[in-house]
């Protein structure tokens, strides 16, 4: 079953974000935060998005405030920060919970995938990354510390770009 089936989520600026628009693309889903030590990864995520967008790839940022309150802003503040500070053009969703009883259904479908160390389950911190293939299958998970330009992440993206 595709990660995107029957999952409803809003765009950062409001209105439904139809996740089915990503079917046929490779997508890197990342829980993001504006006031985290890993926040500079926004720049690398934007470069990755720009590098592969024409080949059927997108980064999808999912703001989350569950880790030490590091994403406290409103949707407008988050959008302004990302655009002004890092030039972010990739799509962003509404702020959601990625862990706990209010875990968003998108993350409920992502967290069973293991990373290279075998970790499954709860998101450990901001900027944990999940690669979804063009068919909607979760094919890789990367720790928050994995930089967007890490060779293993770039190789996985390239491997799963649509033909």
N, C-alpha and C. Protein backbone atom coordinates (compact mmCIF):
# COMPACT_ATOMS: atom_id res chain seq x y z
N UNK A 1 0.84 -1.19 0.00
CA UNK A 1 0.00 0.00 0.00
C UNK A 1 0.88 1.24 0.00
N UNK A 2 0.58 2.17 -0.85
CA UNK A 2 1.33 3.42 -0.96
C UNK A 2 1.26 4.21 0.35
N UNK A 3 2.36 4.84 0.70
CA UNK A 3 2.40 5.69 1.88
C UNK A 3 1.34 6.77 1.78
N UNK A 4 1.01 7.18 0.58
CA UNK A 4 0.15 8.33 0.37
C UNK A 4 -1.35 8.00 0.39
N UNK A 5 -1.71 6.74 0.34
CA UNK A 5 -3.12 6.36 0.28
C UNK A 5 -3.83 6.74 1.57
N UNK A 6 -4.92 7.44 1.42
CA UNK A 6 -5.82 7.80 2.53
C UNK A 6 -5.13 8.61 3.64
N UNK A 7 -4.05 9.29 3.32
CA UNK A 7 -3.40 10.15 4.30
C UNK A 7 -3.75 11.59 3.97
N UNK A 8 -4.37 12.27 4.93
CA UNK A 8 -4.73 13.66 4.74
C UNK A 8 -3.81 14.53 5.58
N UNK A 9 -3.30 15.58 4.96
CA UNK A 9 -2.44 16.53 5.64
C UNK A 9 -2.61 17.88 4.95
N UNK A 10 -2.39 18.93 5.68
CA UNK A 10 -2.54 20.28 5.14
C UNK A 10 -1.19 20.81 4.65
N UNK A 11 -1.23 21.74 3.69
CA UNK A 11 -0.05 22.50 3.30
C UNK A 11 0.31 23.45 4.43
N UNK A 12 1.54 23.91 4.47
CA UNK A 12 1.97 24.86 5.48
C UNK A 12 1.13 26.13 5.43
N UNK A 13 0.80 26.58 4.23
CA UNK A 13 0.02 27.81 4.08
C UNK A 13 -1.48 27.57 4.14
N UNK A 14 -1.90 26.34 4.46
CA UNK A 14 -3.32 26.02 4.55
C UNK A 14 -3.83 25.33 3.31
N UNK A 15 -4.92 24.65 3.45
CA UNK A 15 -5.49 23.90 2.33
C UNK A 15 -4.89 22.50 2.28
N UNK A 16 -5.62 21.59 1.73
CA UNK A 16 -5.19 20.20 1.67
C UNK A 16 -3.95 20.03 0.79
N UNK A 17 -3.03 19.23 1.27
CA UNK A 17 -1.86 18.83 0.48
C UNK A 17 -2.14 17.42 -0.02
N UNK A 18 -2.47 17.28 -1.27
CA UNK A 18 -2.78 15.97 -1.83
C UNK A 18 -1.47 15.20 -2.03
N UNK A 19 -1.21 14.25 -1.13
CA UNK A 19 0.05 13.51 -1.20
C UNK A 19 0.12 12.62 -2.43
N UNK A 20 -1.00 12.34 -3.05
CA UNK A 20 -0.97 11.53 -4.27
C UNK A 20 -0.23 12.24 -5.42
N UNK A 21 -0.04 13.55 -5.29
CA UNK A 21 0.73 14.27 -6.31
C UNK A 21 2.17 13.78 -6.38
N UNK A 22 2.61 13.08 -5.34
CA UNK A 22 3.99 12.58 -5.31
C UNK A 22 4.11 11.18 -5.89
N UNK A 23 2.99 10.54 -6.20
CA UNK A 23 3.07 9.23 -6.84
C UNK A 23 3.81 9.40 -8.17
N UNK A 24 4.73 8.50 -8.42
CA UNK A 24 5.55 8.59 -9.62
C UNK A 24 6.84 9.37 -9.40
N UNK A 25 7.03 9.89 -8.18
CA UNK A 25 8.25 10.63 -7.84
C UNK A 25 8.94 9.95 -6.67
N UNK A 26 10.22 10.22 -6.53
CA UNK A 26 10.94 9.85 -5.31
C UNK A 26 10.82 11.06 -4.38
N UNK A 27 10.53 10.81 -3.10
CA UNK A 27 10.31 11.89 -2.15
C UNK A 27 11.09 11.61 -0.87
N UNK A 28 11.77 12.64 -0.40
CA UNK A 28 12.46 12.56 0.89
C UNK A 28 11.62 13.33 1.89
N UNK A 29 10.98 12.60 2.82
CA UNK A 29 10.13 13.19 3.85
C UNK A 29 11.00 13.45 5.07
N UNK A 30 10.99 14.71 5.54
CA UNK A 30 11.89 15.12 6.63
C UNK A 30 11.10 15.91 7.67
N UNK A 31 11.17 15.48 8.94
CA UNK A 31 10.58 16.32 9.99
C UNK A 31 11.57 17.42 10.31
N UNK A 32 11.12 18.66 10.18
CA UNK A 32 12.01 19.82 10.24
C UNK A 32 11.67 20.71 11.43
N UNK A 33 12.65 21.54 11.80
CA UNK A 33 12.48 22.51 12.89
C UNK A 33 13.38 23.70 12.65
N UNK A 34 12.92 24.87 13.05
CA UNK A 34 13.63 26.12 12.77
C UNK A 34 14.65 26.52 13.82
N UNK A 35 14.59 25.94 15.00
CA UNK A 35 15.47 26.38 16.08
C UNK A 35 16.26 25.20 16.66
N UNK A 36 16.83 24.42 15.79
CA UNK A 36 17.55 23.20 16.15
C UNK A 36 19.00 23.32 15.69
N UNK A 37 19.90 22.63 16.34
CA UNK A 37 21.28 22.61 15.90
C UNK A 37 21.44 22.03 14.50
N UNK A 38 20.45 21.24 14.06
CA UNK A 38 20.50 20.65 12.73
C UNK A 38 19.78 21.49 11.67
N UNK A 39 19.21 22.62 12.07
CA UNK A 39 18.47 23.47 11.15
C UNK A 39 19.25 23.85 9.89
N UNK A 40 20.59 24.03 9.97
CA UNK A 40 21.32 24.33 8.73
C UNK A 40 21.16 23.26 7.64
N UNK A 41 20.65 22.08 7.99
CA UNK A 41 20.38 21.06 6.96
C UNK A 41 19.36 21.55 5.94
N UNK A 42 18.57 22.56 6.28
CA UNK A 42 17.64 23.12 5.29
C UNK A 42 18.38 23.49 4.00
N UNK A 43 19.56 24.04 4.12
CA UNK A 43 20.32 24.45 2.93
C UNK A 43 20.65 23.24 2.07
N UNK A 44 21.11 22.17 2.68
CA UNK A 44 21.43 20.95 1.94
C UNK A 44 20.19 20.29 1.36
N UNK A 45 19.09 20.33 2.09
CA UNK A 45 17.85 19.77 1.57
C UNK A 45 17.39 20.55 0.34
N UNK A 46 17.52 21.86 0.39
CA UNK A 46 17.14 22.69 -0.76
C UNK A 46 18.03 22.38 -1.97
N UNK A 47 19.34 22.23 -1.74
CA UNK A 47 20.25 21.88 -2.86
C UNK A 47 19.87 20.52 -3.45
N UNK A 48 19.58 19.55 -2.61
CA UNK A 48 19.18 18.22 -3.08
C UNK A 48 17.89 18.32 -3.89
N UNK A 49 16.94 19.07 -3.38
CA UNK A 49 15.67 19.26 -4.07
C UNK A 49 15.90 19.89 -5.45
N UNK A 50 16.69 20.94 -5.50
CA UNK A 50 16.96 21.63 -6.77
C UNK A 50 17.71 20.72 -7.74
N UNK A 51 18.66 19.95 -7.23
CA UNK A 51 19.49 19.10 -8.09
C UNK A 51 18.67 18.03 -8.80
N UNK A 52 17.67 17.46 -8.13
CA UNK A 52 16.96 16.31 -8.68
C UNK A 52 15.49 16.58 -9.03
N UNK A 53 14.99 17.78 -8.81
CA UNK A 53 13.57 18.06 -9.07
C UNK A 53 13.17 17.76 -10.51
N UNK A 54 14.01 18.12 -11.45
CA UNK A 54 13.68 17.89 -12.86
C UNK A 54 13.67 16.42 -13.23
N UNK A 55 14.22 15.57 -12.34
CA UNK A 55 14.27 14.13 -12.60
C UNK A 55 13.22 13.36 -11.80
N UNK A 56 12.24 14.08 -11.24
CA UNK A 56 11.15 13.41 -10.55
C UNK A 56 11.40 13.20 -9.07
N UNK A 57 12.00 14.18 -8.40
CA UNK A 57 12.30 14.08 -6.98
C UNK A 57 11.81 15.33 -6.26
N UNK A 58 11.41 15.14 -5.00
CA UNK A 58 11.04 16.27 -4.17
C UNK A 58 11.42 16.00 -2.72
N UNK A 59 11.81 17.03 -2.02
CA UNK A 59 11.89 16.99 -0.57
C UNK A 59 10.51 17.43 -0.09
N UNK A 60 10.03 16.83 0.99
CA UNK A 60 8.78 17.25 1.63
C UNK A 60 9.09 17.51 3.09
N UNK A 61 9.07 18.78 3.48
CA UNK A 61 9.34 19.17 4.86
C UNK A 61 8.08 19.09 5.70
N UNK A 62 8.22 18.49 6.89
CA UNK A 62 7.09 18.32 7.80
C UNK A 62 7.48 18.91 9.16
N UNK A 63 7.10 20.16 9.42
CA UNK A 63 7.45 20.78 10.70
C UNK A 63 6.88 20.01 11.89
N UNK A 64 7.68 19.96 12.95
CA UNK A 64 7.29 19.26 14.17
C UNK A 64 7.88 20.00 15.36
N UNK A 65 7.10 20.14 16.42
CA UNK A 65 7.53 20.86 17.62
C UNK A 65 7.69 19.92 18.81
N UNK A 66 7.89 18.63 18.58
CA UNK A 66 7.94 17.65 19.67
C UNK A 66 9.31 17.51 20.32
N UNK A 67 10.33 18.12 19.77
CA UNK A 67 11.68 17.93 20.29
C UNK A 67 12.16 19.23 20.91
N UNK A 68 12.01 19.35 22.20
CA UNK A 68 12.42 20.53 22.97
C UNK A 68 11.82 21.83 22.44
N UNK A 69 10.64 21.76 21.85
CA UNK A 69 9.95 22.97 21.39
C UNK A 69 10.73 23.75 20.35
N UNK A 70 11.45 23.04 19.45
CA UNK A 70 12.33 23.71 18.51
C UNK A 70 11.65 24.17 17.22
N UNK A 71 10.32 24.00 17.14
CA UNK A 71 9.55 24.55 16.02
C UNK A 71 8.32 25.24 16.59
N UNK A 72 8.53 26.36 17.32
CA UNK A 72 7.43 27.00 18.02
C UNK A 72 6.56 27.92 17.17
N UNK A 73 7.01 28.25 15.98
CA UNK A 73 6.36 29.28 15.18
C UNK A 73 5.02 28.89 14.60
N UNK A 74 4.31 29.92 14.13
CA UNK A 74 3.09 29.71 13.36
C UNK A 74 3.49 29.26 11.96
N UNK A 75 2.50 28.83 11.20
CA UNK A 75 2.78 28.45 9.81
C UNK A 75 3.43 29.58 9.04
N UNK A 76 2.94 30.80 9.24
CA UNK A 76 3.49 31.96 8.55
C UNK A 76 4.94 32.21 8.96
N UNK A 77 5.22 32.10 10.25
CA UNK A 77 6.59 32.31 10.74
C UNK A 77 7.55 31.24 10.21
N UNK A 78 7.09 30.01 10.18
CA UNK A 78 7.92 28.92 9.65
C UNK A 78 8.23 29.17 8.18
N UNK A 79 7.20 29.49 7.40
CA UNK A 79 7.39 29.74 5.96
C UNK A 79 8.35 30.90 5.73
N UNK A 80 8.19 31.98 6.47
CA UNK A 80 9.06 33.14 6.31
C UNK A 80 10.49 32.80 6.68
N UNK A 81 10.69 32.10 7.78
CA UNK A 81 12.03 31.72 8.21
C UNK A 81 12.72 30.86 7.15
N UNK A 82 12.02 29.83 6.67
CA UNK A 82 12.61 28.91 5.70
C UNK A 82 12.97 29.61 4.40
N UNK A 83 12.08 30.47 3.94
CA UNK A 83 12.31 31.19 2.69
C UNK A 83 13.42 32.21 2.84
N UNK A 84 13.34 33.04 3.87
CA UNK A 84 14.30 34.14 4.03
C UNK A 84 15.68 33.64 4.44
N UNK A 85 15.75 32.63 5.28
CA UNK A 85 17.04 32.19 5.82
C UNK A 85 17.73 31.17 4.92
N UNK A 86 16.96 30.25 4.34
CA UNK A 86 17.57 29.16 3.57
C UNK A 86 17.09 29.08 2.12
N UNK A 87 16.24 29.98 1.70
CA UNK A 87 15.76 29.96 0.32
C UNK A 87 14.96 28.72 -0.04
N UNK A 88 14.28 28.15 0.94
CA UNK A 88 13.55 26.91 0.72
C UNK A 88 12.43 27.09 -0.29
N UNK A 89 12.43 26.22 -1.30
CA UNK A 89 11.35 26.20 -2.29
C UNK A 89 10.60 24.88 -2.27
N UNK A 90 11.14 23.87 -1.58
CA UNK A 90 10.45 22.58 -1.57
C UNK A 90 9.18 22.67 -0.73
N UNK A 91 8.20 21.81 -1.01
CA UNK A 91 6.92 21.88 -0.31
C UNK A 91 7.05 21.55 1.19
N UNK A 92 6.18 22.17 1.96
CA UNK A 92 6.13 21.95 3.40
C UNK A 92 4.67 21.72 3.80
N UNK A 93 4.50 20.88 4.80
CA UNK A 93 3.16 20.60 5.32
C UNK A 93 2.92 21.39 6.60
N UNK A 94 1.73 21.23 7.10
CA UNK A 94 1.39 21.77 8.41
C UNK A 94 2.29 21.14 9.48
N UNK A 95 2.35 21.78 10.64
CA UNK A 95 3.10 21.23 11.77
C UNK A 95 2.31 20.06 12.36
N UNK A 96 2.97 18.93 12.57
CA UNK A 96 2.31 17.72 13.08
C UNK A 96 3.15 17.07 14.18
N UNK A 97 2.53 16.11 14.87
CA UNK A 97 3.25 15.24 15.79
C UNK A 97 3.75 14.03 15.01
N UNK A 98 5.00 13.65 15.25
CA UNK A 98 5.57 12.49 14.57
C UNK A 98 5.69 11.29 15.51
N UNK A 99 5.50 11.52 16.80
CA UNK A 99 5.55 10.46 17.82
C UNK A 99 4.33 10.56 18.71
N UNK A 100 4.10 9.50 19.48
CA UNK A 100 3.06 9.53 20.51
C UNK A 100 1.68 9.21 19.99
N UNK A 101 0.70 9.36 20.88
CA UNK A 101 -0.67 8.97 20.55
C UNK A 101 -1.29 9.85 19.49
N UNK A 102 -0.74 11.04 19.27
CA UNK A 102 -1.25 11.93 18.21
C UNK A 102 -0.36 11.91 16.97
N UNK A 103 0.44 10.85 16.84
CA UNK A 103 1.31 10.73 15.66
C UNK A 103 0.47 10.85 14.39
N UNK A 104 0.93 11.69 13.47
CA UNK A 104 0.21 11.88 12.22
C UNK A 104 0.21 10.56 11.42
N UNK A 105 -0.89 10.25 10.71
CA UNK A 105 -0.95 9.02 9.93
C UNK A 105 0.19 8.85 8.92
N UNK A 106 0.72 9.94 8.38
CA UNK A 106 1.87 9.82 7.48
C UNK A 106 3.03 9.18 8.21
N UNK A 107 3.31 9.64 9.41
CA UNK A 107 4.43 9.08 10.16
C UNK A 107 4.13 7.67 10.68
N UNK A 108 2.87 7.37 10.92
CA UNK A 108 2.51 6.01 11.30
C UNK A 108 2.91 5.03 10.20
N UNK A 109 2.88 5.50 8.95
CA UNK A 109 3.27 4.64 7.82
C UNK A 109 4.77 4.64 7.56
N UNK A 110 5.49 5.59 8.12
CA UNK A 110 6.93 5.68 7.87
C UNK A 110 7.78 4.95 8.91
N UNK A 111 7.38 4.99 10.17
CA UNK A 111 8.29 4.63 11.26
C UNK A 111 8.67 3.16 11.38
N UNK A 112 8.00 2.27 10.67
CA UNK A 112 8.38 0.86 10.75
C UNK A 112 9.59 0.53 9.88
N UNK A 113 10.02 1.48 9.07
CA UNK A 113 11.20 1.29 8.23
C UNK A 113 12.45 1.46 9.07
N UNK A 114 13.40 0.56 8.90
CA UNK A 114 14.66 0.61 9.66
C UNK A 114 15.70 1.46 8.94
N UNK A 115 16.53 2.13 9.74
CA UNK A 115 17.67 2.84 9.16
C UNK A 115 18.86 1.88 9.07
N UNK A 116 20.02 2.38 8.69
CA UNK A 116 21.20 1.53 8.50
C UNK A 116 21.64 0.83 9.78
N UNK A 117 21.31 1.42 10.93
CA UNK A 117 21.66 0.81 12.22
C UNK A 117 20.56 -0.11 12.73
N UNK A 118 19.47 -0.23 11.98
CA UNK A 118 18.37 -1.10 12.37
C UNK A 118 17.31 -0.44 13.24
N UNK A 119 17.40 0.88 13.44
CA UNK A 119 16.41 1.58 14.26
C UNK A 119 15.07 1.68 13.53
N UNK A 120 14.02 1.27 14.22
CA UNK A 120 12.66 1.47 13.75
C UNK A 120 11.89 2.14 14.88
N UNK A 121 10.66 2.53 14.59
CA UNK A 121 9.83 3.12 15.63
C UNK A 121 9.99 4.62 15.70
N UNK A 122 9.85 5.14 16.93
CA UNK A 122 9.79 6.57 17.14
C UNK A 122 10.91 7.35 16.45
N UNK A 123 10.52 8.54 16.01
CA UNK A 123 11.48 9.50 15.46
C UNK A 123 12.36 9.95 16.61
N UNK A 124 13.67 9.99 16.37
CA UNK A 124 14.60 10.31 17.45
C UNK A 124 14.84 11.80 17.64
N UNK A 125 14.75 12.56 16.55
CA UNK A 125 15.05 13.99 16.65
C UNK A 125 14.61 14.66 15.36
N UNK A 126 14.72 15.97 15.33
CA UNK A 126 14.44 16.73 14.12
C UNK A 126 15.36 16.27 12.99
N UNK A 127 14.87 16.36 11.77
CA UNK A 127 15.62 16.08 10.54
C UNK A 127 15.89 14.59 10.31
N UNK A 128 15.03 13.72 10.86
CA UNK A 128 15.08 12.31 10.47
C UNK A 128 14.46 12.23 9.08
N UNK A 129 15.03 11.39 8.21
CA UNK A 129 14.66 11.41 6.80
C UNK A 129 14.18 10.04 6.34
N UNK A 130 13.12 10.05 5.51
CA UNK A 130 12.57 8.83 4.93
C UNK A 130 12.49 9.01 3.42
N UNK A 131 13.04 8.05 2.67
CA UNK A 131 12.95 8.08 1.22
C UNK A 131 11.81 7.19 0.77
N UNK A 132 10.92 7.77 -0.02
CA UNK A 132 9.77 7.05 -0.56
C UNK A 132 9.97 6.94 -2.06
N UNK A 133 9.80 5.72 -2.59
CA UNK A 133 10.02 5.51 -4.02
C UNK A 133 8.80 5.95 -4.83
N UNK A 134 8.90 5.97 -6.16
CA UNK A 134 7.79 6.44 -6.99
C UNK A 134 6.49 5.67 -6.82
N UNK A 135 6.55 4.44 -6.29
CA UNK A 135 5.34 3.66 -6.06
C UNK A 135 4.74 3.91 -4.69
N UNK A 136 5.39 4.75 -3.88
CA UNK A 136 4.87 5.05 -2.55
C UNK A 136 5.37 4.13 -1.46
N UNK A 137 6.42 3.36 -1.75
CA UNK A 137 7.02 2.46 -0.76
C UNK A 137 8.15 3.17 -0.03
N UNK A 138 8.21 3.01 1.28
CA UNK A 138 9.31 3.58 2.06
C UNK A 138 10.51 2.66 1.86
N UNK A 139 11.58 3.20 1.28
CA UNK A 139 12.72 2.37 0.89
C UNK A 139 13.98 2.65 1.70
N UNK A 140 14.02 3.73 2.46
CA UNK A 140 15.21 4.03 3.25
C UNK A 140 14.85 5.01 4.36
N UNK A 141 15.63 4.91 5.44
CA UNK A 141 15.49 5.82 6.57
C UNK A 141 16.89 6.27 6.96
N UNK A 142 17.02 7.55 7.25
CA UNK A 142 18.32 8.13 7.59
C UNK A 142 18.22 8.88 8.90
N UNK A 143 19.23 8.76 9.72
CA UNK A 143 19.23 9.41 11.03
C UNK A 143 19.24 10.92 10.88
N UNK A 144 18.85 11.62 11.93
CA UNK A 144 18.86 13.08 11.88
C UNK A 144 20.24 13.66 11.55
N UNK A 145 21.30 13.00 11.98
CA UNK A 145 22.65 13.52 11.75
C UNK A 145 23.14 13.29 10.33
N UNK A 146 22.45 12.47 9.54
CA UNK A 146 22.85 12.24 8.16
C UNK A 146 22.59 13.50 7.35
N UNK A 147 23.63 14.09 6.83
CA UNK A 147 23.51 15.33 6.05
C UNK A 147 22.85 15.03 4.70
N UNK A 148 22.11 15.98 4.15
CA UNK A 148 21.44 15.77 2.86
C UNK A 148 22.39 15.43 1.71
N UNK A 149 23.67 15.81 1.82
CA UNK A 149 24.62 15.49 0.75
C UNK A 149 25.47 14.27 1.08
N UNK A 150 25.10 13.51 2.11
CA UNK A 150 25.85 12.30 2.46
C UNK A 150 25.79 11.32 1.30
N UNK A 151 26.92 10.69 0.97
CA UNK A 151 26.95 9.79 -0.18
C UNK A 151 25.88 8.70 -0.15
N UNK A 152 25.60 8.13 1.01
CA UNK A 152 24.60 7.07 1.09
C UNK A 152 23.18 7.59 0.82
N UNK A 153 22.91 8.82 1.22
CA UNK A 153 21.59 9.40 0.97
C UNK A 153 21.46 9.75 -0.51
N UNK A 154 22.46 10.39 -1.07
CA UNK A 154 22.42 10.76 -2.49
C UNK A 154 22.32 9.51 -3.37
N UNK A 155 23.06 8.46 -3.03
CA UNK A 155 23.01 7.22 -3.80
C UNK A 155 21.61 6.60 -3.75
N UNK A 156 20.97 6.65 -2.58
CA UNK A 156 19.62 6.11 -2.46
C UNK A 156 18.63 6.93 -3.30
N UNK A 157 18.75 8.24 -3.26
CA UNK A 157 17.87 9.09 -4.09
C UNK A 157 18.07 8.74 -5.56
N UNK A 158 19.31 8.69 -6.00
CA UNK A 158 19.59 8.40 -7.42
C UNK A 158 19.05 7.03 -7.83
N UNK A 159 19.17 6.05 -6.95
CA UNK A 159 18.69 4.70 -7.23
C UNK A 159 17.18 4.66 -7.43
N UNK A 160 16.45 5.53 -6.73
CA UNK A 160 14.99 5.47 -6.74
C UNK A 160 14.31 6.56 -7.56
N UNK A 161 15.09 7.31 -8.33
CA UNK A 161 14.48 8.28 -9.23
C UNK A 161 13.66 7.53 -10.27
N UNK A 162 12.54 8.11 -10.70
CA UNK A 162 11.74 7.40 -11.72
C UNK A 162 12.53 7.24 -13.00
N UNK A 163 12.22 6.17 -13.69
CA UNK A 163 12.94 5.86 -14.94
C UNK A 163 12.67 6.87 -16.02
